Amino acid sequence: MKAHKSFFDAACVDVTPFSFVLEIEDKKSGNKIPLTYVPTSRIIILANRPKQAVVRYKDDLPYREVFGGAVIAVDTKGFGEKPCRSFSVILDNKNQPIPVDRLDSRDIADGITTTKRKSISMALGIGLGVHLKSGRNSVFTNGVDFVNEVGVTPETDLSIVEPRVGMAERRPYLEWPSALAAARITDPNFHWQVVEFDTSNENGEASVQPYLRVPGGYLVTVKVAYKGIEHEETLAITESKEITSKANKKVILHNQPCLNPTAAMWNTAVMRCLAKAIAHCTGYGLSIYAKASMDELAAMQQIDKEVPKETPKETPAPEASGASSEAHSPGDKDARDRLIEEISGLIDRTKTDPANVLAYHGTSSFEAADPSILIRIHEQLTVKARRIASQKQAA
């Protein structure tokens, strides 16, 4: 089979005849979720056996330890001048990182094979749509459908095209396969890399790592080059935290700084950072981030503006009943205290007048507020903190 002429042609290749659907257990729900899989050997054949090299680390090992897990990197020669480096985390049959001290030779060999497949998709486009997490059929195995969804040709001006929008937890976002396809279709020399830092690892030991340890968490940075323009993007490694409300309902707070990330969380942050870097450098998908920022700004304007000084509404004292006792159980109180502590920290960081916040939400104190109000206050102050940080960075 002859090599494909361009990334656009390669991304259009239909891998449906060679794909399988595997069932993977979801860690959160425990349910089985479908995962489309195309054998690496088939991807290699379709790509006309491209030049690949496994990156070697300390003691010539084909992996490096990141947050206790094993990360493999593979370089693949694509259509541009520089090879494409792709990363994968060695996972178990439940899609969770395998601790380094539990790895065996089969795990490592399988991890290399998986990373070779991903690297070909990222460098040459073949099977790239399989990596999507949302879409009409969850993933796209038909390359033409994928490219049509991305909506880009080699002549497209990415700053004016309407991006493909993915959905996660009811929120729109730019998926990295779409962003990468848009960048590589319009610039064969598009290049990206994960920036490494002299920092400390999870054990506090000085080392060079593909992340930066900072107070209260970790950052990842991705550098991209598109049509001669370079751009760096930095994101925090985050997680979703579960808070139990007064009505004993579980509420999820998204994008919270993670103090104990896993290798999989690192990898997710890197790919999210890649997508955002492409959006900022090319314009493709930037409207998605702009809309999210406007929604956050609109919410924060309610906190920022002056609130008329009036007597706050008193929250009725809890009655001595079974329901009240359950609402103030030790587990509930611990979560509530942690949330109030985080709110206090955000108030200090954003220089927000707590009296205005309390008056706006109609409560006399944070301790007396309903958990749902506390959650809303926390989300609004988090948005304000991000906005202030972005303004300082821009200045």
Protein backbone atom coordinates (compact mmCIF):
# COMPACT_ATOMS: atom_id res chain seq x y z
CA MET A 1 0.00 0.00 0.00
CA LYS A 2 1.35 3.43 -0.94
CA ALA A 3 1.85 6.05 1.71
CA HIS A 4 -0.93 8.62 1.96
CA LYS A 5 -0.26 12.03 0.44
CA SER A 6 -1.25 14.10 3.47
CA PHE A 7 -2.60 14.04 6.99
CA PHE A 8 -6.01 14.95 5.56
CA ASP A 9 -6.06 11.86 3.31
CA ALA A 10 -4.80 9.61 6.09
CA ALA A 11 -7.34 10.88 8.61
CA CYS A 12 -10.11 10.01 6.13
CA VAL A 13 -9.12 6.31 6.06
CA ASP A 14 -11.99 4.08 7.20
CA VAL A 15 -10.79 1.70 9.93
CA THR A 16 -14.28 0.34 10.61
CA PRO A 17 -13.59 -3.07 8.98
CA PHE A 18 -10.70 -3.64 11.40
CA SER A 19 -12.22 -2.32 14.64
CA PHE A 20 -13.53 -4.14 17.70
CA VAL A 21 -15.59 -2.90 20.63
CA LEU A 22 -14.27 -3.91 24.04
CA GLU A 23 -16.06 -3.44 27.37
CA ILE A 24 -14.10 -1.68 30.09
CA GLU A 25 -15.30 -1.30 33.67
CA ASP A 26 -15.88 2.32 34.64
CA LYS A 27 -14.16 3.11 37.93
CA LYS A 28 -16.81 5.54 39.17
CA SER A 29 -20.02 3.74 38.25
CA GLY A 30 -18.77 0.17 38.08
CA ASN A 31 -20.67 -0.22 34.79
CA LYS A 32 -19.20 -1.57 31.58
CA ILE A 33 -18.44 1.09 28.96
CA PRO A 34 -17.68 0.44 25.25
CA LEU A 35 -14.17 1.13 23.99
CA THR A 36 -13.38 0.98 20.27
CA TYR A 37 -10.12 -0.81 19.53
CA VAL A 38 -8.15 -1.20 16.30
CA PRO A 39 -5.18 -3.65 16.38
CA THR A 40 -1.82 -1.92 16.26
CA SER A 41 -0.61 -4.20 13.47
CA ARG A 42 -3.50 -3.06 11.28
CA ILE A 43 -2.75 0.62 11.95
CA ILE A 44 0.92 -0.01 11.06
CA ILE A 45 -0.08 -1.64 7.76
CA LEU A 46 -2.44 1.21 6.87
CA ALA A 47 0.32 3.71 7.69
CA ASN A 48 2.80 1.88 5.42
CA ARG A 49 5.12 0.91 8.30
CA PRO A 50 6.29 4.37 9.45
CA LYS A 51 9.58 4.93 11.24
CA GLN A 52 9.06 4.71 15.02
CA ALA A 53 11.34 4.83 18.06
CA VAL A 54 10.56 4.08 21.70
CA VAL A 55 12.01 6.77 24.00
CA ARG A 56 14.49 5.38 26.56
CA TYR A 57 14.89 6.70 30.08
CA LYS A 58 17.07 5.95 33.11
CA ASP A 59 18.85 2.58 32.93
CA ASP A 60 17.64 2.28 29.32
CA LEU A 61 14.09 1.56 30.50
CA PRO A 62 11.32 2.12 27.91
CA TYR A 63 9.17 3.98 30.45
CA ARG A 64 9.45 6.65 33.12
CA GLU A 65 7.71 6.85 36.47
CA VAL A 66 5.13 9.62 36.81
CA PHE A 67 3.08 9.79 40.02
CA GLY A 68 3.71 6.13 40.74
CA GLY A 69 2.62 4.94 37.29
CA ALA A 70 4.54 4.12 34.12
CA VAL A 71 4.46 6.46 31.10
CA ILE A 72 5.72 5.34 27.69
CA ALA A 73 6.70 7.69 24.86
CA VAL A 74 7.06 6.85 21.17
CA ASP A 75 8.37 9.06 18.36
CA THR A 76 6.80 8.58 14.91
CA LYS A 77 7.91 10.20 11.66
CA GLY A 78 4.97 12.11 10.26
CA PHE A 79 4.48 14.50 7.34
CA GLY A 80 6.48 17.31 8.96
CA GLU A 81 10.16 17.82 9.64
CA LYS A 82 10.08 16.75 13.29
CA PRO A 83 8.83 13.39 14.60
CA CYS A 84 5.65 13.29 16.67
CA ARG A 85 6.10 12.17 20.28
CA SER A 86 3.05 10.57 21.90
CA PHE A 87 2.52 9.34 25.43
CA SER A 88 0.48 6.55 27.02
CA VAL A 89 0.08 5.31 30.58
CA ILE A 90 0.32 1.57 31.23
CA LEU A 91 -3.18 0.58 32.42
CA ASP A 92 -4.81 -2.51 33.88
CA ASN A 93 -8.02 -4.19 32.62
CA LYS A 94 -10.08 -1.59 34.52
CA ASN A 95 -8.35 1.28 32.72
CA GLN A 96 -6.40 2.30 35.83
CA PRO A 97 -2.63 2.96 36.06
CA ILE A 98 -0.56 -0.04 37.14
CA PRO A 99 1.86 0.91 39.96
CA VAL A 100 5.47 0.71 38.80
CA ASP A 101 6.35 -1.85 41.47
CA ARG A 102 3.67 -4.19 40.08
CA LEU A 103 4.68 -4.03 36.41
CA ASP A 104 5.76 -7.14 34.56
CA SER A 105 7.34 -7.60 31.13
CA ARG A 106 3.97 -8.26 29.46
CA ASP A 107 2.52 -5.00 30.83
CA ILE A 108 5.47 -3.05 29.45
CA ALA A 109 5.37 -4.75 26.04
CA ASP A 110 1.61 -4.17 25.74
CA GLY A 111 2.10 -0.54 26.78
CA ILE A 112 4.67 -0.01 24.03
CA THR A 113 2.31 -1.52 21.46
CA THR A 114 -0.55 0.71 22.58
CA THR A 115 1.65 3.83 22.45
CA LYS A 116 2.87 2.96 18.94
CA ARG A 117 -0.74 2.86 17.76
CA LYS A 118 -1.57 6.20 19.38
CA SER A 119 1.60 7.79 18.02
CA ILE A 120 0.75 6.76 14.45
CA SER A 121 -2.73 8.24 14.84
CA MET A 122 -1.32 11.51 16.18
CA ALA A 123 1.49 11.76 13.63
CA LEU A 124 -0.30 10.52 10.50
CA GLY A 125 -4.03 10.75 11.27
CA ILE A 126 -4.97 7.10 10.67
CA GLY A 127 -7.53 6.03 13.28
CA LEU A 128 -7.34 9.37 15.11
CA GLY A 129 -11.13 9.57 15.42
CA VAL A 130 -11.12 6.42 17.54
CA HIS A 131 -9.64 8.48 20.39
CA LEU A 132 -12.69 10.77 20.63
CA LYS A 133 -14.69 10.50 23.84
CA SER A 134 -17.94 11.93 22.49
CA GLY A 135 -19.83 11.92 19.23
CA ARG A 136 -22.84 10.45 17.47
CA ASN A 137 -21.53 6.92 18.05
CA SER A 138 -19.35 7.68 21.10
CA VAL A 139 -16.30 7.36 18.84
CA PHE A 140 -15.70 7.62 15.11
CA THR A 141 -14.16 4.66 13.36
CA ASN A 142 -15.06 6.01 9.92
CA GLY A 143 -12.33 8.50 9.04
CA VAL A 144 -14.46 10.49 6.60
CA ASP A 145 -17.13 11.06 9.27
CA PHE A 146 -14.44 12.20 11.70
CA VAL A 147 -12.87 14.66 9.25
CA ASN A 148 -16.31 16.01 8.30
CA GLU A 149 -17.06 16.56 11.97
CA VAL A 150 -13.78 18.44 12.43
CA GLY A 151 -14.81 20.57 9.44
CA VAL A 152 -11.31 21.38 8.17
CA THR A 153 -9.50 21.06 4.82
CA PRO A 154 -5.84 21.92 4.10
CA GLU A 155 -6.92 25.39 2.90
CA THR A 156 -9.08 26.24 5.93
CA ASP A 157 -8.45 29.35 8.03
CA LEU A 158 -8.82 27.85 11.50
CA SER A 159 -9.58 31.21 13.12
CA ILE A 160 -12.97 31.44 11.36
CA VAL A 161 -14.12 27.81 11.20
CA GLU A 162 -16.85 26.56 13.53
CA PRO A 163 -15.20 23.91 15.75
CA ARG A 164 -16.44 20.44 16.57
CA VAL A 165 -17.73 20.56 20.15
CA GLY A 166 -17.41 17.64 22.55
CA MET A 167 -19.49 17.26 25.69
CA ALA A 168 -18.28 16.09 29.09
CA GLU A 169 -20.38 16.25 32.24
CA ARG A 170 -22.87 18.46 30.33
CA ARG A 171 -20.17 21.01 29.56
CA PRO A 172 -18.78 21.78 26.08
CA TYR A 173 -15.08 21.33 25.48
CA LEU A 174 -12.54 20.89 22.68
CA GLU A 175 -11.36 17.28 22.36
CA TRP A 176 -7.69 16.84 21.58
CA PRO A 177 -8.18 14.56 18.50
CA SER A 178 -10.29 17.27 16.82
CA ALA A 179 -7.84 20.02 17.74
CA LEU A 180 -4.84 17.99 16.60
CA ALA A 181 -6.52 17.03 13.32
CA ALA A 182 -7.31 20.68 12.60
CA ALA A 183 -3.72 21.74 13.29
CA ARG A 184 -2.02 18.95 11.33
CA ILE A 185 -4.38 19.09 8.33
CA THR A 186 -3.62 22.79 7.84
CA ASP A 187 0.08 22.65 8.82
CA PRO A 188 2.09 19.46 8.15
CA ASN A 189 4.92 20.89 10.27
CA PHE A 190 2.74 21.42 13.35
CA HIS A 191 4.74 20.33 16.39
CA TRP A 192 4.03 19.97 20.09
CA GLN A 193 5.96 18.92 23.17
CA VAL A 194 5.50 18.55 26.91
CA VAL A 195 7.75 20.97 28.79
CA GLU A 196 9.90 19.44 31.54
CA PHE A 197 11.00 21.17 34.73
CA ASP A 198 13.64 20.92 37.42
CA THR A 199 11.24 20.20 40.23
CA SER A 200 10.52 17.58 42.89
CA ASN A 201 8.72 14.32 42.35
CA GLU A 202 5.85 12.99 44.42
CA ASN A 203 8.38 11.84 47.06
CA GLY A 204 9.87 15.33 47.35
CA GLU A 205 13.11 14.33 45.59
CA ALA A 206 14.73 16.80 43.18
CA SER A 207 14.38 15.61 39.59
CA VAL A 208 13.40 16.57 36.05
CA GLN A 209 9.69 15.92 35.55
CA PRO A 210 7.01 16.53 32.87
CA TYR A 211 5.12 18.65 35.39
CA LEU A 212 5.80 21.41 37.92
CA ARG A 213 5.11 21.02 41.61
CA VAL A 214 3.61 24.25 43.02
CA PRO A 215 1.88 25.16 46.29
CA GLY A 216 -1.47 23.39 46.36
CA GLY A 217 -0.96 21.08 43.40
CA TYR A 218 0.77 20.45 40.09
CA LEU A 219 0.95 22.10 36.66
CA VAL A 220 1.61 20.75 33.17
CA THR A 221 2.84 22.88 30.28
CA VAL A 222 2.61 22.16 26.56
CA LYS A 223 4.44 24.08 23.83
CA VAL A 224 3.08 24.13 20.27
CA ALA A 225 4.37 25.55 16.99
CA TYR A 226 1.85 26.31 14.22
CA LYS A 227 2.91 27.93 10.94
CA GLY A 228 5.96 29.39 12.63
CA ILE A 229 4.04 30.72 15.64
CA GLU A 230 4.96 29.27 19.03
CA HIS A 231 2.72 29.21 22.06
CA GLU A 232 2.92 27.76 25.57
CA GLU A 233 -0.12 26.74 27.59
CA THR A 234 -0.26 25.69 31.25
CA LEU A 235 -3.03 23.85 33.08
CA ALA A 236 -3.41 22.46 36.57
CA ILE A 237 -3.83 18.75 37.16
CA THR A 238 -7.38 18.65 38.49
CA GLU A 239 -10.02 16.26 39.73
CA SER A 240 -13.72 16.25 40.58
CA LYS A 241 -14.59 16.36 44.26
CA GLU A 242 -17.81 15.03 45.73
CA ILE A 243 -19.65 17.07 48.36
CA THR A 244 -22.67 15.78 50.28
CA SER A 245 -25.44 18.36 50.62
CA LYS A 246 -27.75 18.93 53.58
CA ALA A 247 -30.44 16.97 51.75
CA ASN A 248 -27.98 14.08 51.60
CA LYS A 249 -27.50 14.60 47.87
CA LYS A 250 -24.06 14.18 46.33
CA VAL A 251 -22.85 17.21 44.37
CA ILE A 252 -19.74 17.21 42.18
CA LEU A 253 -17.31 20.14 42.12
CA HIS A 254 -15.29 20.02 38.89
CA ASN A 255 -11.73 21.14 38.09
CA GLN A 256 -10.49 21.17 41.65
CA PRO A 257 -6.69 21.14 42.21
CA CYS A 258 -5.44 17.60 42.81
CA LEU A 259 -2.84 17.06 45.54
CA ASN A 260 -2.37 13.35 44.85
CA PRO A 261 -2.69 12.85 41.09
CA THR A 262 -2.16 9.61 39.22
CA ALA A 263 -0.28 9.05 35.98
CA ALA A 264 -3.65 8.91 34.18
CA MET A 265 -4.60 12.32 35.61
CA TRP A 266 -1.27 13.70 34.37
CA ASN A 267 -1.92 12.33 30.89
CA THR A 268 -5.46 13.77 30.83
CA ALA A 269 -4.13 17.19 31.85
CA VAL A 270 -1.47 17.04 29.11
CA MET A 271 -4.00 16.26 26.38
CA ARG A 272 -6.39 18.96 27.64
CA CYS A 273 -3.46 21.38 27.66
CA LEU A 274 -2.57 20.39 24.08
CA ALA A 275 -6.13 21.11 22.91
CA LYS A 276 -6.19 24.51 24.60
CA ALA A 277 -2.72 25.41 23.25
CA ILE A 278 -3.90 24.61 19.72
CA ALA A 279 -7.02 26.72 20.23
CA HIS A 280 -5.03 29.73 21.40
CA CYS A 281 -2.39 29.38 18.67
CA THR A 282 -4.70 28.65 15.70
CA GLY A 283 -8.12 29.96 16.72
CA TYR A 284 -9.77 26.56 16.21
CA GLY A 285 -12.08 25.94 19.17
CA LEU A 286 -11.18 29.21 20.86
CA SER A 287 -14.86 30.18 20.82
CA ILE A 288 -15.59 27.23 23.12
CA TYR A 289 -13.20 28.59 25.75
CA ALA A 290 -14.44 32.14 25.19
CA LYS A 291 -18.05 31.11 25.79
CA ALA A 292 -17.08 29.26 28.96
CA SER A 293 -15.22 32.36 30.18
CA MET A 294 -18.20 34.61 29.44
CA ASP A 295 -20.53 32.28 31.32
CA GLU A 296 -18.16 32.32 34.28
CA LEU A 297 -17.81 36.11 34.11
CA ALA A 298 -21.57 36.60 34.07
CA ALA A 299 -21.87 34.48 37.19
CA MET A 300 -19.11 36.38 38.98
CA GLN A 301 -20.53 39.81 38.16
CA GLN A 302 -23.31 39.03 40.61
CA ILE A 303 -20.70 38.70 43.35
CA ASP A 304 -18.48 41.60 42.22
CA LYS A 305 -21.16 44.30 42.15
CA GLU A 306 -22.15 46.20 45.27
CA VAL A 307 -25.02 44.60 47.16
CA PRO A 308 -27.43 46.91 49.04
CA LYS A 309 -26.68 46.91 52.74
CA GLU A 310 -29.68 45.27 54.28
CA THR A 311 -30.25 42.86 57.09
CA PRO A 312 -29.36 39.40 55.88
CA LYS A 313 -32.05 36.78 55.95
CA GLU A 314 -31.61 34.51 58.91
CA THR A 315 -31.42 30.80 58.21
CA PRO A 316 -33.77 28.99 60.63
CA ALA A 317 -31.99 27.12 63.37
CA PRO A 318 -32.13 23.35 62.88
CA GLU A 319 -34.77 21.55 64.86
CA ALA A 320 -33.93 18.61 67.06
CA SER A 321 -35.25 15.99 64.69
CA GLY A 322 -33.96 12.86 63.04
CA ALA A 323 -33.50 14.69 59.74
CA SER A 324 -31.51 17.46 61.44
CA SER A 325 -29.35 14.96 63.24
CA GLU A 326 -28.61 13.16 59.97
CA ALA A 327 -27.75 16.42 58.18
CA HIS A 328 -25.16 17.23 60.85
CA SER A 329 -23.57 13.81 61.01
CA PRO A 330 -19.73 13.76 61.38
CA GLY A 331 -19.17 12.97 57.69
CA ASP A 332 -21.43 15.85 56.62
CA LYS A 333 -19.80 18.28 59.05
CA ASP A 334 -16.29 17.42 57.92
CA ALA A 335 -17.16 18.06 54.28
CA ARG A 336 -18.94 21.30 55.23
CA ASP A 337 -15.99 22.54 57.30
CA ARG A 338 -13.56 21.81 54.48
CA LEU A 339 -15.75 23.69 52.03
CA ILE A 340 -16.02 26.73 54.33
CA GLU A 341 -12.26 26.69 54.82
CA GLU A 342 -11.71 26.71 51.04
CA ILE A 343 -14.23 29.56 50.66
CA SER A 344 -12.33 31.61 53.27
CA GLY A 345 -9.11 31.05 51.35
CA LEU A 346 -10.73 32.12 48.08
CA ILE A 347 -12.15 35.26 49.70
CA ASP A 348 -8.64 36.24 50.85
CA ARG A 349 -7.09 35.49 47.44
CA THR A 350 -9.73 37.45 45.51
CA LYS A 351 -10.06 40.29 48.06
CA THR A 352 -13.83 39.81 48.10
CA ASP A 353 -15.99 41.42 50.79
CA PRO A 354 -17.59 38.47 52.64
CA ALA A 355 -20.49 40.69 53.78
CA ASN A 356 -21.47 41.25 50.15
CA VAL A 357 -21.35 37.53 49.44
CA LEU A 358 -23.49 36.69 52.47
CA ALA A 359 -26.01 39.43 51.71
CA TYR A 360 -26.32 38.41 48.07
CA HIS A 361 -27.06 34.81 49.02
CA GLY A 362 -29.37 35.80 51.88
CA THR A 363 -27.60 34.13 54.78
CA SER A 364 -26.13 35.45 58.02
CA SER A 365 -22.94 33.40 57.94
CA PHE A 366 -21.21 30.64 56.04
CA GLU A 367 -21.79 28.30 58.98
CA ALA A 368 -25.55 28.88 58.77
CA ALA A 369 -25.77 28.60 54.99
CA ASP A 370 -27.36 25.66 53.20
CA PRO A 371 -24.74 23.34 51.60
CA SER A 372 -26.10 24.08 48.12
CA ILE A 373 -25.43 27.80 48.71
CA LEU A 374 -21.91 27.05 49.94
CA ILE A 375 -21.24 25.04 46.80
CA ARG A 376 -22.52 27.88 44.60
CA ILE A 377 -20.37 30.43 46.49
CA HIS A 378 -17.31 28.19 46.13
CA GLU A 379 -17.81 27.82 42.37
CA GLN A 380 -18.30 31.57 41.86
CA LEU A 381 -15.22 32.50 43.88
CA THR A 382 -13.16 29.87 42.04
CA VAL A 383 -14.16 31.49 38.75
CA LYS A 384 -13.19 34.91 40.09
CA ALA A 385 -9.81 33.60 41.24
CA ARG A 386 -9.14 32.15 37.77
CA ARG A 387 -10.11 35.41 36.10
CA ILE A 388 -7.79 37.43 38.36
CA ALA A 389 -4.94 35.00 37.68
CA SER A 390 -5.52 35.25 33.91
CA GLN A 391 -5.53 39.06 34.06
CA LYS A 392 -2.23 39.06 36.00
CA GLN A 393 -0.69 36.67 33.50
CA ALA A 394 -1.85 38.79 30.55
CA ALA A 395 -0.39 41.92 32.19
